[in-house]
């Protein structure tokens, strides 16, 4: 019921910021 498409910019930002966070730590 909650399944929606997300745009590529959102996907990129999520992965970039979480990856940067983990890599920095």
PDBML (XML) file of the C-alpha atoms, coordinates in Angstrom:
<?xml version="1.0" encoding="UTF-8" ?>
<PDBx:datablock datablockName="MODEL"
   xmlns:PDBx="http://pdbml.pdb.org/schema/pdbx-v50.xsd"
   xmlns:xsi="http://www.w3.org/2001/XMLSchema-instance"
   xsi:schemaLocation="http://pdbml.pdb.org/schema/pdbx-v50.xsd pdbx-v50.xsd">
   <PDBx:atom_siteCategory>
      <PDBx:atom_site id="1">
         <PDBx:B_iso_or_equiv>0.00</PDBx:B_iso_or_equiv>
         <PDBx:Cartn_x>0.000</PDBx:Cartn_x>
         <PDBx:Cartn_y>0.000</PDBx:Cartn_y>
         <PDBx:Cartn_z>0.000</PDBx:Cartn_z>
         <PDBx:auth_asym_id>A</PDBx:auth_asym_id>
         <PDBx:auth_atom_id>CA</PDBx:auth_atom_id>
         <PDBx:auth_comp_id>UNK</PDBx:auth_comp_id>
         <PDBx:auth_seq_id>1</PDBx:auth_seq_id>
         <PDBx:group_PDB>ATOM</PDBx:group_PDB>
         <PDBx:label_alt_id xsi:nil="true" />
         <PDBx:label_asym_id>A</PDBx:label_asym_id>
         <PDBx:label_atom_id>CA</PDBx:label_atom_id>
         <PDBx:label_comp_id>UNK</PDBx:label_comp_id>
         <PDBx:label_entity_id>1</PDBx:label_entity_id>
         <PDBx:label_seq_id>1</PDBx:label_seq_id>
         <PDBx:occupancy>1.00</PDBx:occupancy>
         <PDBx:pdbx_PDB_model_num>1</PDBx:pdbx_PDB_model_num>
         <PDBx:type_symbol>C</PDBx:type_symbol>
      </PDBx:atom_site>
      <PDBx:atom_site id="2">
         <PDBx:B_iso_or_equiv>0.00</PDBx:B_iso_or_equiv>
         <PDBx:Cartn_x>2.892</PDBx:Cartn_x>
         <PDBx:Cartn_y>2.390</PDBx:Cartn_y>
         <PDBx:Cartn_z>0.712</PDBx:Cartn_z>
         <PDBx:auth_asym_id>A</PDBx:auth_asym_id>
         <PDBx:auth_atom_id>CA</PDBx:auth_atom_id>
         <PDBx:auth_comp_id>UNK</PDBx:auth_comp_id>
         <PDBx:auth_seq_id>2</PDBx:auth_seq_id>
         <PDBx:group_PDB>ATOM</PDBx:group_PDB>
         <PDBx:label_alt_id xsi:nil="true" />
         <PDBx:label_asym_id>A</PDBx:label_asym_id>
         <PDBx:label_atom_id>CA</PDBx:label_atom_id>
         <PDBx:label_comp_id>UNK</PDBx:label_comp_id>
         <PDBx:label_entity_id>1</PDBx:label_entity_id>
         <PDBx:label_seq_id>2</PDBx:label_seq_id>
         <PDBx:occupancy>1.00</PDBx:occupancy>
         <PDBx:pdbx_PDB_model_num>1</PDBx:pdbx_PDB_model_num>
         <PDBx:type_symbol>C</PDBx:type_symbol>
      </PDBx:atom_site>
      <PDBx:atom_site id="3">
         <PDBx:B_iso_or_equiv>0.00</PDBx:B_iso_or_equiv>
         <PDBx:Cartn_x>4.915</PDBx:Cartn_x>
         <PDBx:Cartn_y>1.483</PDBx:Cartn_y>
         <PDBx:Cartn_z>-2.387</PDBx:Cartn_z>
         <PDBx:auth_asym_id>A</PDBx:auth_asym_id>
         <PDBx:auth_atom_id>CA</PDBx:auth_atom_id>
         <PDBx:auth_comp_id>UNK</PDBx:auth_comp_id>
         <PDBx:auth_seq_id>3</PDBx:auth_seq_id>
         <PDBx:group_PDB>ATOM</PDBx:group_PDB>
         <PDBx:label_alt_id xsi:nil="true" />
         <PDBx:label_asym_id>A</PDBx:label_asym_id>
         <PDBx:label_atom_id>CA</PDBx:label_atom_id>
         <PDBx:label_comp_id>UNK</PDBx:label_comp_id>
         <PDBx:label_entity_id>1</PDBx:label_entity_id>
         <PDBx:label_seq_id>3</PDBx:label_seq_id>
         <PDBx:occupancy>1.00</PDBx:occupancy>
         <PDBx:pdbx_PDB_model_num>1</PDBx:pdbx_PDB_model_num>
         <PDBx:type_symbol>C</PDBx:type_symbol>
      </PDBx:atom_site>
      <PDBx:atom_site id="4">
         <PDBx:B_iso_or_equiv>0.00</PDBx:B_iso_or_equiv>
         <PDBx:Cartn_x>5.646</PDBx:Cartn_x>
         <PDBx:Cartn_y>4.583</PDBx:Cartn_y>
         <PDBx:Cartn_z>-4.488</PDBx:Cartn_z>
         <PDBx:auth_asym_id>A</PDBx:auth_asym_id>
         <PDBx:auth_atom_id>CA</PDBx:auth_atom_id>
         <PDBx:auth_comp_id>UNK</PDBx:auth_comp_id>
         <PDBx:auth_seq_id>4</PDBx:auth_seq_id>
         <PDBx:group_PDB>ATOM</PDBx:group_PDB>
         <PDBx:label_alt_id xsi:nil="true" />
         <PDBx:label_asym_id>A</PDBx:label_asym_id>
         <PDBx:label_atom_id>CA</PDBx:label_atom_id>
         <PDBx:label_comp_id>UNK</PDBx:label_comp_id>
         <PDBx:label_entity_id>1</PDBx:label_entity_id>
         <PDBx:label_seq_id>4</PDBx:label_seq_id>
         <PDBx:occupancy>1.00</PDBx:occupancy>
         <PDBx:pdbx_PDB_model_num>1</PDBx:pdbx_PDB_model_num>
         <PDBx:type_symbol>C</PDBx:type_symbol>
      </PDBx:atom_site>
      <PDBx:atom_site id="5">
         <PDBx:B_iso_or_equiv>0.00</PDBx:B_iso_or_equiv>
         <PDBx:Cartn_x>8.368</PDBx:Cartn_x>
         <PDBx:Cartn_y>5.505</PDBx:Cartn_y>
         <PDBx:Cartn_z>-6.933</PDBx:Cartn_z>
         <PDBx:auth_asym_id>A</PDBx:auth_asym_id>
         <PDBx:auth_atom_id>CA</PDBx:auth_atom_id>
         <PDBx:auth_comp_id>UNK</PDBx:auth_comp_id>
         <PDBx:auth_seq_id>5</PDBx:auth_seq_id>
         <PDBx:group_PDB>ATOM</PDBx:group_PDB>
         <PDBx:label_alt_id xsi:nil="true" />
         <PDBx:label_asym_id>A</PDBx:label_asym_id>
         <PDBx:label_atom_id>CA</PDBx:label_atom_id>
         <PDBx:label_comp_id>UNK</PDBx:label_comp_id>
         <PDBx:label_entity_id>1</PDBx:label_entity_id>
         <PDBx:label_seq_id>5</PDBx:label_seq_id>
         <PDBx:occupancy>1.00</PDBx:occupancy>
         <PDBx:pdbx_PDB_model_num>1</PDBx:pdbx_PDB_model_num>
         <PDBx:type_symbol>C</PDBx:type_symbol>
      </PDBx:atom_site>
      <PDBx:atom_site id="6">
         <PDBx:B_iso_or_equiv>0.00</PDBx:B_iso_or_equiv>
         <PDBx:Cartn_x>11.094</PDBx:Cartn_x>
         <PDBx:Cartn_y>7.864</PDBx:Cartn_y>
         <PDBx:Cartn_z>-5.745</PDBx:Cartn_z>
         <PDBx:auth_asym_id>A</PDBx:auth_asym_id>
         <PDBx:auth_atom_id>CA</PDBx:auth_atom_id>
         <PDBx:auth_comp_id>UNK</PDBx:auth_comp_id>
         <PDBx:auth_seq_id>6</PDBx:auth_seq_id>
         <PDBx:group_PDB>ATOM</PDBx:group_PDB>
         <PDBx:label_alt_id xsi:nil="true" />
         <PDBx:label_asym_id>A</PDBx:label_asym_id>
         <PDBx:label_atom_id>CA</PDBx:label_atom_id>
         <PDBx:label_comp_id>UNK</PDBx:label_comp_id>
         <PDBx:label_entity_id>1</PDBx:label_entity_id>
         <PDBx:label_seq_id>6</PDBx:label_seq_id>
         <PDBx:occupancy>1.00</PDBx:occupancy>
         <PDBx:pdbx_PDB_model_num>1</PDBx:pdbx_PDB_model_num>
         <PDBx:type_symbol>C</PDBx:type_symbol>
      </PDBx:atom_site>
      <PDBx:atom_site id="7">
         <PDBx:B_iso_or_equiv>0.00</PDBx:B_iso_or_equiv>
         <PDBx:Cartn_x>13.129</PDBx:Cartn_x>
         <PDBx:Cartn_y>10.087</PDBx:Cartn_y>
         <PDBx:Cartn_z>-8.033</PDBx:Cartn_z>
         <PDBx:auth_asym_id>A</PDBx:auth_asym_id>
         <PDBx:auth_atom_id>CA</PDBx:auth_atom_id>
         <PDBx:auth_comp_id>UNK</PDBx:auth_comp_id>
         <PDBx:auth_seq_id>7</PDBx:auth_seq_id>
         <PDBx:group_PDB>ATOM</PDBx:group_PDB>
         <PDBx:label_alt_id xsi:nil="true" />
         <PDBx:label_asym_id>A</PDBx:label_asym_id>
         <PDBx:label_atom_id>CA</PDBx:label_atom_id>
         <PDBx:label_comp_id>UNK</PDBx:label_comp_id>
         <PDBx:label_entity_id>1</PDBx:label_entity_id>
         <PDBx:label_seq_id>7</PDBx:label_seq_id>
         <PDBx:occupancy>1.00</PDBx:occupancy>
         <PDBx:pdbx_PDB_model_num>1</PDBx:pdbx_PDB_model_num>
         <PDBx:type_symbol>C</PDBx:type_symbol>
      </PDBx:atom_site>
      <PDBx:atom_site id="8">
         <PDBx:B_iso_or_equiv>0.00</PDBx:B_iso_or_equiv>
         <PDBx:Cartn_x>16.799</PDBx:Cartn_x>
         <PDBx:Cartn_y>9.518</PDBx:Cartn_y>
         <PDBx:Cartn_z>-8.796</PDBx:Cartn_z>
         <PDBx:auth_asym_id>A</PDBx:auth_asym_id>
         <PDBx:auth_atom_id>CA</PDBx:auth_atom_id>
         <PDBx:auth_comp_id>UNK</PDBx:auth_comp_id>
         <PDBx:auth_seq_id>8</PDBx:auth_seq_id>
         <PDBx:group_PDB>ATOM</PDBx:group_PDB>
         <PDBx:label_alt_id xsi:nil="true" />
         <PDBx:label_asym_id>A</PDBx:label_asym_id>
         <PDBx:label_atom_id>CA</PDBx:label_atom_id>
         <PDBx:label_comp_id>UNK</PDBx:label_comp_id>
         <PDBx:label_entity_id>1</PDBx:label_entity_id>
         <PDBx:label_seq_id>8</PDBx:label_seq_id>
         <PDBx:occupancy>1.00</PDBx:occupancy>
         <PDBx:pdbx_PDB_model_num>1</PDBx:pdbx_PDB_model_num>
         <PDBx:type_symbol>C</PDBx:type_symbol>
      </PDBx:atom_site>
      <PDBx:atom_site id="9">
         <PDBx:B_iso_or_equiv>0.00</PDBx:B_iso_or_equiv>
         <PDBx:Cartn_x>17.898</PDBx:Cartn_x>
         <PDBx:Cartn_y>12.667</PDBx:Cartn_y>
         <PDBx:Cartn_z>-6.980</PDBx:Cartn_z>
         <PDBx:auth_asym_id>A</PDBx:auth_asym_id>
         <PDBx:auth_atom_id>CA</PDBx:auth_atom_id>
         <PDBx:auth_comp_id>UNK</PDBx:auth_comp_id>
         <PDBx:auth_seq_id>9</PDBx:auth_seq_id>
         <PDBx:group_PDB>ATOM</PDBx:group_PDB>
         <PDBx:label_alt_id xsi:nil="true" />
         <PDBx:label_asym_id>A</PDBx:label_asym_id>
         <PDBx:label_atom_id>CA</PDBx:label_atom_id>
         <PDBx:label_comp_id>UNK</PDBx:label_comp_id>
         <PDBx:label_entity_id>1</PDBx:label_entity_id>
         <PDBx:label_seq_id>9</PDBx:label_seq_id>
         <PDBx:occupancy>1.00</PDBx:occupancy>
         <PDBx:pdbx_PDB_model_num>1</PDBx:pdbx_PDB_model_num>
         <PDBx:type_symbol>C</PDBx:type_symbol>
      </PDBx:atom_site>
      <PDBx:atom_site id="10">
         <PDBx:B_iso_or_equiv>0.00</PDBx:B_iso_or_equiv>
         <PDBx:Cartn_x>16.357</PDBx:Cartn_x>
         <PDBx:Cartn_y>11.423</PDBx:Cartn_y>
         <PDBx:Cartn_z>-3.731</PDBx:Cartn_z>
         <PDBx:auth_asym_id>A</PDBx:auth_asym_id>
         <PDBx:auth_atom_id>CA</PDBx:auth_atom_id>
         <PDBx:auth_comp_id>UNK</PDBx:auth_comp_id>
         <PDBx:auth_seq_id>10</PDBx:auth_seq_id>
         <PDBx:group_PDB>ATOM</PDBx:group_PDB>
         <PDBx:label_alt_id xsi:nil="true" />
         <PDBx:label_asym_id>A</PDBx:label_asym_id>
         <PDBx:label_atom_id>CA</PDBx:label_atom_id>
         <PDBx:label_comp_id>UNK</PDBx:label_comp_id>
         <PDBx:label_entity_id>1</PDBx:label_entity_id>
         <PDBx:label_seq_id>10</PDBx:label_seq_id>
         <PDBx:occupancy>1.00</PDBx:occupancy>
         <PDBx:pdbx_PDB_model_num>1</PDBx:pdbx_PDB_model_num>
         <PDBx:type_symbol>C</PDBx:type_symbol>
      </PDBx:atom_site>
      <PDBx:atom_site id="11">
         <PDBx:B_iso_or_equiv>0.00</PDBx:B_iso_or_equiv>
         <PDBx:Cartn_x>17.935</PDBx:Cartn_x>
         <PDBx:Cartn_y>7.989</PDBx:Cartn_y>
         <PDBx:Cartn_z>-4.159</PDBx:Cartn_z>
         <PDBx:auth_asym_id>A</PDBx:auth_asym_id>
         <PDBx:auth_atom_id>CA</PDBx:auth_atom_id>
         <PDBx:auth_comp_id>UNK</PDBx:auth_comp_id>
         <PDBx:auth_seq_id>11</PDBx:auth_seq_id>
         <PDBx:group_PDB>ATOM</PDBx:group_PDB>
         <PDBx:label_alt_id xsi:nil="true" />
         <PDBx:label_asym_id>A</PDBx:label_asym_id>
         <PDBx:label_atom_id>CA</PDBx:label_atom_id>
         <PDBx:label_comp_id>UNK</PDBx:label_comp_id>
         <PDBx:label_entity_id>1</PDBx:label_entity_id>
         <PDBx:label_seq_id>11</PDBx:label_seq_id>
         <PDBx:occupancy>1.00</PDBx:occupancy>
         <PDBx:pdbx_PDB_model_num>1</PDBx:pdbx_PDB_model_num>
         <PDBx:type_symbol>C</PDBx:type_symbol>
      </PDBx:atom_site>
      <PDBx:atom_site id="12">
         <PDBx:B_iso_or_equiv>0.00</PDBx:B_iso_or_equiv>
         <PDBx:Cartn_x>21.334</PDBx:Cartn_x>
         <PDBx:Cartn_y>9.547</PDBx:Cartn_y>
         <PDBx:Cartn_z>-4.880</PDBx:Cartn_z>
         <PDBx:auth_asym_id>A</PDBx:auth_asym_id>
         <PDBx:auth_atom_id>CA</PDBx:auth_atom_id>
         <PDBx:auth_comp_id>UNK</PDBx:auth_comp_id>
         <PDBx:auth_seq_id>12</PDBx:auth_seq_id>
         <PDBx:group_PDB>ATOM</PDBx:group_PDB>
         <PDBx:label_alt_id xsi:nil="true" />
         <PDBx:label_asym_id>A</PDBx:label_asym_id>
         <PDBx:label_atom_id>CA</PDBx:label_atom_id>
         <PDBx:label_comp_id>UNK</PDBx:label_comp_id>
         <PDBx:label_entity_id>1</PDBx:label_entity_id>
         <PDBx:label_seq_id>12</PDBx:label_seq_id>
         <PDBx:occupancy>1.00</PDBx:occupancy>
         <PDBx:pdbx_PDB_model_num>1</PDBx:pdbx_PDB_model_num>
         <PDBx:type_symbol>C</PDBx:type_symbol>
      </PDBx:atom_site>
      <PDBx:atom_site id="13">
         <PDBx:B_iso_or_equiv>0.00</PDBx:B_iso_or_equiv>
         <PDBx:Cartn_x>21.154</PDBx:Cartn_x>
         <PDBx:Cartn_y>11.881</PDBx:Cartn_y>
         <PDBx:Cartn_z>-1.861</PDBx:Cartn_z>
         <PDBx:auth_asym_id>A</PDBx:auth_asym_id>
         <PDBx:auth_atom_id>CA</PDBx:auth_atom_id>
         <PDBx:auth_comp_id>UNK</PDBx:auth_comp_id>
         <PDBx:auth_seq_id>13</PDBx:auth_seq_id>
         <PDBx:group_PDB>ATOM</PDBx:group_PDB>
         <PDBx:label_alt_id xsi:nil="true" />
         <PDBx:label_asym_id>A</PDBx:label_asym_id>
         <PDBx:label_atom_id>CA</PDBx:label_atom_id>
         <PDBx:label_comp_id>UNK</PDBx:label_comp_id>
         <PDBx:label_entity_id>1</PDBx:label_entity_id>
         <PDBx:label_seq_id>13</PDBx:label_seq_id>
         <PDBx:occupancy>1.00</PDBx:occupancy>
         <PDBx:pdbx_PDB_model_num>1</PDBx:pdbx_PDB_model_num>
         <PDBx:type_symbol>C</PDBx:type_symbol>
      </PDBx:atom_site>
      <PDBx:atom_site id="14">
         <PDBx:B_iso_or_equiv>0.00</PDBx:B_iso_or_equiv>
         <PDBx:Cartn_x>20.154</PDBx:Cartn_x>
         <PDBx:Cartn_y>9.083</PDBx:Cartn_y>
         <PDBx:Cartn_z>0.503</PDBx:Cartn_z>
         <PDBx:auth_asym_id>A</PDBx:auth_asym_id>
         <PDBx:auth_atom_id>CA</PDBx:auth_atom_id>
         <PDBx:auth_comp_id>UNK</PDBx:auth_comp_id>
         <PDBx:auth_seq_id>14</PDBx:auth_seq_id>
         <PDBx:group_PDB>ATOM</PDBx:group_PDB>
         <PDBx:label_alt_id xsi:nil="true" />
         <PDBx:label_asym_id>A</PDBx:label_asym_id>
         <PDBx:label_atom_id>CA</PDBx:label_atom_id>
         <PDBx:label_comp_id>UNK</PDBx:label_comp_id>
         <PDBx:label_entity_id>1</PDBx:label_entity_id>
         <PDBx:label_seq_id>14</PDBx:label_seq_id>
         <PDBx:occupancy>1.00</PDBx:occupancy>
         <PDBx:pdbx_PDB_model_num>1</PDBx:pdbx_PDB_model_num>
         <PDBx:type_symbol>C</PDBx:type_symbol>
      </PDBx:atom_site>
      <PDBx:atom_site id="15">
         <PDBx:B_iso_or_equiv>0.00</PDBx:B_iso_or_equiv>
         <PDBx:Cartn_x>22.971</PDBx:Cartn_x>
         <PDBx:Cartn_y>6.793</PDBx:Cartn_y>
         <PDBx:Cartn_z>-0.629</PDBx:Cartn_z>
         <PDBx:auth_asym_id>A</PDBx:auth_asym_id>
         <PDBx:auth_atom_id>CA</PDBx:auth_atom_id>
         <PDBx:auth_comp_id>UNK</PDBx:auth_comp_id>
         <PDBx:auth_seq_id>15</PDBx:auth_seq_id>
         <PDBx:group_PDB>ATOM</PDBx:group_PDB>
         <PDBx:label_alt_id xsi:nil="true" />
         <PDBx:label_asym_id>A</PDBx:label_asym_id>
         <PDBx:label_atom_id>CA</PDBx:label_atom_id>
         <PDBx:label_comp_id>UNK</PDBx:label_comp_id>
         <PDBx:label_entity_id>1</PDBx:label_entity_id>
         <PDBx:label_seq_id>15</PDBx:label_seq_id>
         <PDBx:occupancy>1.00</PDBx:occupancy>
         <PDBx:pdbx_PDB_model_num>1</PDBx:pdbx_PDB_model_num>
         <PDBx:type_symbol>C</PDBx:type_symbol>
      </PDBx:atom_site>
      <PDBx:atom_site id="16">
         <PDBx:B_iso_or_equiv>0.00</PDBx:B_iso_or_equiv>
         <PDBx:Cartn_x>25.554</PDBx:Cartn_x>
         <PDBx:Cartn_y>9.552</PDBx:Cartn_y>
         <PDBx:Cartn_z>-0.930</PDBx:Cartn_z>
         <PDBx:auth_asym_id>A</PDBx:auth_asym_id>
         <PDBx:auth_atom_id>CA</PDBx:auth_atom_id>
         <PDBx:auth_comp_id>UNK</PDBx:auth_comp_id>
         <PDBx:auth_seq_id>16</PDBx:auth_seq_id>
         <PDBx:group_PDB>ATOM</PDBx:group_PDB>
         <PDBx:label_alt_id xsi:nil="true" />
         <PDBx:label_asym_id>A</PDBx:label_asym_id>
         <PDBx:label_atom_id>CA</PDBx:label_atom_id>
         <PDBx:label_comp_id>UNK</PDBx:label_comp_id>
         <PDBx:label_entity_id>1</PDBx:label_entity_id>
         <PDBx:label_seq_id>16</PDBx:label_seq_id>
         <PDBx:occupancy>1.00</PDBx:occupancy>
         <PDBx:pdbx_PDB_model_num>1</PDBx:pdbx_PDB_model_num>
         <PDBx:type_symbol>C</PDBx:type_symbol>
      </PDBx:atom_site>
      <PDBx:atom_site id="17">
         <PDBx:B_iso_or_equiv>0.00</PDBx:B_iso_or_equiv>
         <PDBx:Cartn_x>24.907</PDBx:Cartn_x>
         <PDBx:Cartn_y>10.988</PDBx:Cartn_y>
         <PDBx:Cartn_z>2.530</PDBx:Cartn_z>
         <PDBx:auth_asym_id>A</PDBx:auth_asym_id>
         <PDBx:auth_atom_id>CA</PDBx:auth_atom_id>
         <PDBx:auth_comp_id>UNK</PDBx:auth_comp_id>
         <PDBx:auth_seq_id>17</PDBx:auth_seq_id>
         <PDBx:group_PDB>ATOM</PDBx:group_PDB>
         <PDBx:label_alt_id xsi:nil="true" />
         <PDBx:label_asym_id>A</PDBx:label_asym_id>
         <PDBx:label_atom_id>CA</PDBx:label_atom_id>
         <PDBx:label_comp_id>UNK</PDBx:label_comp_id>
         <PDBx:label_entity_id>1</PDBx:label_entity_id>
         <PDBx:label_seq_id>17</PDBx:label_seq_id>
         <PDBx:occupancy>1.00</PDBx:occupancy>
         <PDBx:pdbx_PDB_model_num>1</PDBx:pdbx_PDB_model_num>
         <PDBx:type_symbol>C</PDBx:type_symbol>
      </PDBx:atom_site>
      <PDBx:atom_site id="18">
         <PDBx:B_iso_or_equiv>0.00</PDBx:B_iso_or_equiv>
         <PDBx:Cartn_x>24.622</PDBx:Cartn_x>
         <PDBx:Cartn_y>7.649</PDBx:Cartn_y>
         <PDBx:Cartn_z>4.322</PDBx:Cartn_z>
         <PDBx:auth_asym_id>A</PDBx:auth_asym_id>
         <PDBx:auth_atom_id>CA</PDBx:auth_atom_id>
         <PDBx:auth_comp_id>UNK</PDBx:auth_comp_id>
         <PDBx:auth_seq_id>18</PDBx:auth_seq_id>
         <PDBx:group_PDB>ATOM</PDBx:group_PDB>
         <PDBx:label_alt_id xsi:nil="true" />
         <PDBx:label_asym_id>A</PDBx:label_asym_id>
         <PDBx:label_atom_id>CA</PDBx:label_atom_id>
         <PDBx:label_comp_id>UNK</PDBx:label_comp_id>
         <PDBx:label_entity_id>1</PDBx:label_entity_id>
         <PDBx:label_seq_id>18</PDBx:label_seq_id>
         <PDBx:occupancy>1.00</PDBx:occupancy>
         <PDBx:pdbx_PDB_model_num>1</PDBx:pdbx_PDB_model_num>
         <PDBx:type_symbol>C</PDBx:type_symbol>
      </PDBx:atom_site>
      <PDBx:atom_site id="19">
         <PDBx:B_iso_or_equiv>0.00</PDBx:B_iso_or_equiv>
         <PDBx:Cartn_x>27.726</PDBx:Cartn_x>
         <PDBx:Cartn_y>6.343</PDBx:Cartn_y>
         <PDBx:Cartn_z>2.544</PDBx:Cartn_z>
         <PDBx:auth_asym_id>A</PDBx:auth_asym_id>
         <PDBx:auth_atom_id>CA</PDBx:auth_atom_id>
         <PDBx:auth_comp_id>UNK</PDBx:auth_comp_id>
         <PDBx:auth_seq_id>19</PDBx:auth_seq_id>
         <PDBx:group_PDB>ATOM</PDBx:group_PDB>
         <PDBx:label_alt_id xsi:nil="true" />
         <PDBx:label_asym_id>A</PDBx:label_asym_id>
         <PDBx:label_atom_id>CA</PDBx:label_atom_id>
         <PDBx:label_comp_id>UNK</PDBx:label_comp_id>
         <PDBx:label_entity_id>1</PDBx:label_entity_id>
         <PDBx:label_seq_id>19</PDBx:label_seq_id>
         <PDBx:occupancy>1.00</PDBx:occupancy>
         <PDBx:pdbx_PDB_model_num>1</PDBx:pdbx_PDB_model_num>
         <PDBx:type_symbol>C</PDBx:type_symbol>
      </PDBx:atom_site>
      <PDBx:atom_site id="20">
         <PDBx:B_iso_or_equiv>0.00</PDBx:B_iso_or_equiv>
         <PDBx:Cartn_x>29.649</PDBx:Cartn_x>
         <PDBx:Cartn_y>9.508</PDBx:Cartn_y>
         <PDBx:Cartn_z>3.332</PDBx:Cartn_z>
         <PDBx:auth_asym_id>A</PDBx:auth_asym_id>
         <PDBx:auth_atom_id>CA</PDBx:auth_atom_id>
         <PDBx:auth_comp_id>UNK</PDBx:auth_comp_id>
         <PDBx:auth_seq_id>20</PDBx:auth_seq_id>
         <PDBx:group_PDB>ATOM</PDBx:group_PDB>
         <PDBx:label_alt_id xsi:nil="true" />
         <PDBx:label_asym_id>A</PDBx:label_asym_id>
         <PDBx:label_atom_id>CA</PDBx:label_atom_id>
         <PDBx:label_comp_id>UNK</PDBx:label_comp_id>
         <PDBx:label_entity_id>1</PDBx:label_entity_id>
         <PDBx:label_seq_id>20</PDBx:label_seq_id>
         <PDBx:occupancy>1.00</PDBx:occupancy>
         <PDBx:pdbx_PDB_model_num>1</PDBx:pdbx_PDB_model_num>
         <PDBx:type_symbol>C</PDBx:type_symbol>
      </PDBx:atom_site>
      <PDBx:atom_site id="21">
         <PDBx:B_iso_or_equiv>0.00</PDBx:B_iso_or_equiv>
         <PDBx:Cartn_x>28.573</PDBx:Cartn_x>
         <PDBx:Cartn_y>9.274</PDBx:Cartn_y>
         <PDBx:Cartn_z>6.964</PDBx:Cartn_z>
         <PDBx:auth_asym_id>A</PDBx:auth_asym_id>
         <PDBx:auth_atom_id>CA</PDBx:auth_atom_id>
         <PDBx:auth_comp_id>UNK</PDBx:auth_comp_id>
         <PDBx:auth_seq_id>21</PDBx:auth_seq_id>
         <PDBx:group_PDB>ATOM</PDBx:group_PDB>
         <PDBx:label_alt_id xsi:nil="true" />
         <PDBx:label_asym_id>A</PDBx:label_asym_id>
         <PDBx:label_atom_id>CA</PDBx:label_atom_id>
         <PDBx:label_comp_id>UNK</PDBx:label_comp_id>
         <PDBx:label_entity_id>1</PDBx:label_entity_id>
         <PDBx:label_seq_id>21</PDBx:label_seq_id>
         <PDBx:occupancy>1.00</PDBx:occupancy>
         <PDBx:pdbx_PDB_model_num>1</PDBx:pdbx_PDB_model_num>
         <PDBx:type_symbol>C</PDBx:type_symbol>
      </PDBx:atom_site>
      <PDBx:atom_site id="22">
         <PDBx:B_iso_or_equiv>0.00</PDBx:B_iso_or_equiv>
         <PDBx:Cartn_x>29.719</PDBx:Cartn_x>
         <PDBx:Cartn_y>5.672</PDBx:Cartn_y>
         <PDBx:Cartn_z>7.372</PDBx:Cartn_z>
         <PDBx:auth_asym_id>A</PDBx:auth_asym_id>
         <PDBx:auth_atom_id>CA</PDBx:auth_atom_id>
         <PDBx:auth_comp_id>UNK</PDBx:auth_comp_id>
         <PDBx:auth_seq_id>22</PDBx:auth_seq_id>
         <PDBx:group_PDB>ATOM</PDBx:group_PDB>
         <PDBx:label_alt_id xsi:nil="true" />
         <PDBx:label_asym_id>A</PDBx:label_asym_id>
         <PDBx:label_atom_id>CA</PDBx:label_atom_id>
         <PDBx:label_comp_id>UNK</PDBx:label_comp_id>
         <PDBx:label_entity_id>1</PDBx:label_entity_id>
         <PDBx:label_seq_id>22</PDBx:label_seq_id>
         <PDBx:occupancy>1.00</PDBx:occupancy>
         <PDBx:pdbx_PDB_model_num>1</PDBx:pdbx_PDB_model_num>
         <PDBx:type_symbol>C</PDBx:type_symbol>
      </PDBx:atom_site>
      <PDBx:atom_site id="23">
         <PDBx:B_iso_or_equiv>0.00</PDBx:B_iso_or_equiv>
         <PDBx:Cartn_x>32.947</PDBx:Cartn_x>
         <PDBx:Cartn_y>6.233</PDBx:Cartn_y>
         <PDBx:Cartn_z>5.425</PDBx:Cartn_z>
         <PDBx:auth_asym_id>A</PDBx:auth_asym_id>
         <PDBx:auth_atom_id>CA</PDBx:auth_atom_id>
         <PDBx:auth_comp_id>UNK</PDBx:auth_comp_id>
         <PDBx:auth_seq_id>23</PDBx:auth_seq_id>
         <PDBx:group_PDB>ATOM</PDBx:group_PDB>
         <PDBx:label_alt_id xsi:nil="true" />
         <PDBx:label_asym_id>A</PDBx:label_asym_id>
         <PDBx:label_atom_id>CA</PDBx:label_atom_id>
         <PDBx:label_comp_id>UNK</PDBx:label_comp_id>
         <PDBx:label_entity_id>1</PDBx:label_entity_id>
         <PDBx:label_seq_id>23</PDBx:label_seq_id>
         <PDBx:occupancy>1.00</PDBx:occupancy>
         <PDBx:pdbx_PDB_model_num>1</PDBx:pdbx_PDB_model_num>
         <PDBx:type_symbol>C</PDBx:type_symbol>
      </PDBx:atom_site>
      <PDBx:atom_site id="24">
         <PDBx:B_iso_or_equiv>0.00</PDBx:B_iso_or_equiv>
         <PDBx:Cartn_x>33.768</PDBx:Cartn_x>
         <PDBx:Cartn_y>9.336</PDBx:Cartn_y>
         <PDBx:Cartn_z>7.492</PDBx:Cartn_z>
         <PDBx:auth_asym_id>A</PDBx:auth_asym_id>
         <PDBx:auth_atom_id>CA</PDBx:auth_atom_id>
         <PDBx:auth_comp_id>UNK</PDBx:auth_comp_id>
         <PDBx:auth_seq_id>24</PDBx:auth_seq_id>
         <PDBx:group_PDB>ATOM</PDBx:group_PDB>
         <PDBx:label_alt_id xsi:nil="true" />
         <PDBx:label_asym_id>A</PDBx:label_asym_id>
         <PDBx:label_atom_id>CA</PDBx:label_atom_id>
         <PDBx:label_comp_id>UNK</PDBx:label_comp_id>
         <PDBx:label_entity_id>1</PDBx:label_entity_id>
         <PDBx:label_seq_id>24</PDBx:label_seq_id>
         <PDBx:occupancy>1.00</PDBx:occupancy>
         <PDBx:pdbx_PDB_model_num>1</PDBx:pdbx_PDB_model_num>
         <PDBx:type_symbol>C</PDBx:type_symbol>
      </PDBx:atom_site>
      <PDBx:atom_site id="25">
         <PDBx:B_iso_or_equiv>0.00</PDBx:B_iso_or_equiv>
         <PDBx:Cartn_x>33.222</PDBx:Cartn_x>
         <PDBx:Cartn_y>7.494</PDBx:Cartn_y>
         <PDBx:Cartn_z>10.762</PDBx:Cartn_z>
         <PDBx:auth_asym_id>A</PDBx:auth_asym_id>
         <PDBx:auth_atom_id>CA</PDBx:auth_atom_id>
         <PDBx:auth_comp_id>UNK</PDBx:auth_comp_id>
         <PDBx:auth_seq_id>25</PDBx:auth_seq_id>
         <PDBx:group_PDB>ATOM</PDBx:group_PDB>
         <PDBx:label_alt_id xsi:nil="true" />
         <PDBx:label_asym_id>A</PDBx:label_asym_id>
         <PDBx:label_atom_id>CA</PDBx:label_atom_id>
         <PDBx:label_comp_id>UNK</PDBx:label_comp_id>
         <PDBx:label_entity_id>1</PDBx:label_entity_id>
         <PDBx:label_seq_id>25</PDBx:label_seq_id>
         <PDBx:occupancy>1.00</PDBx:occupancy>
         <PDBx:pdbx_PDB_model_num>1</PDBx:pdbx_PDB_model_num>
         <PDBx:type_symbol>C</PDBx:type_symbol>
      </PDBx:atom_site>
   </PDBx:atom_siteCategory>
</PDBx:datablock>
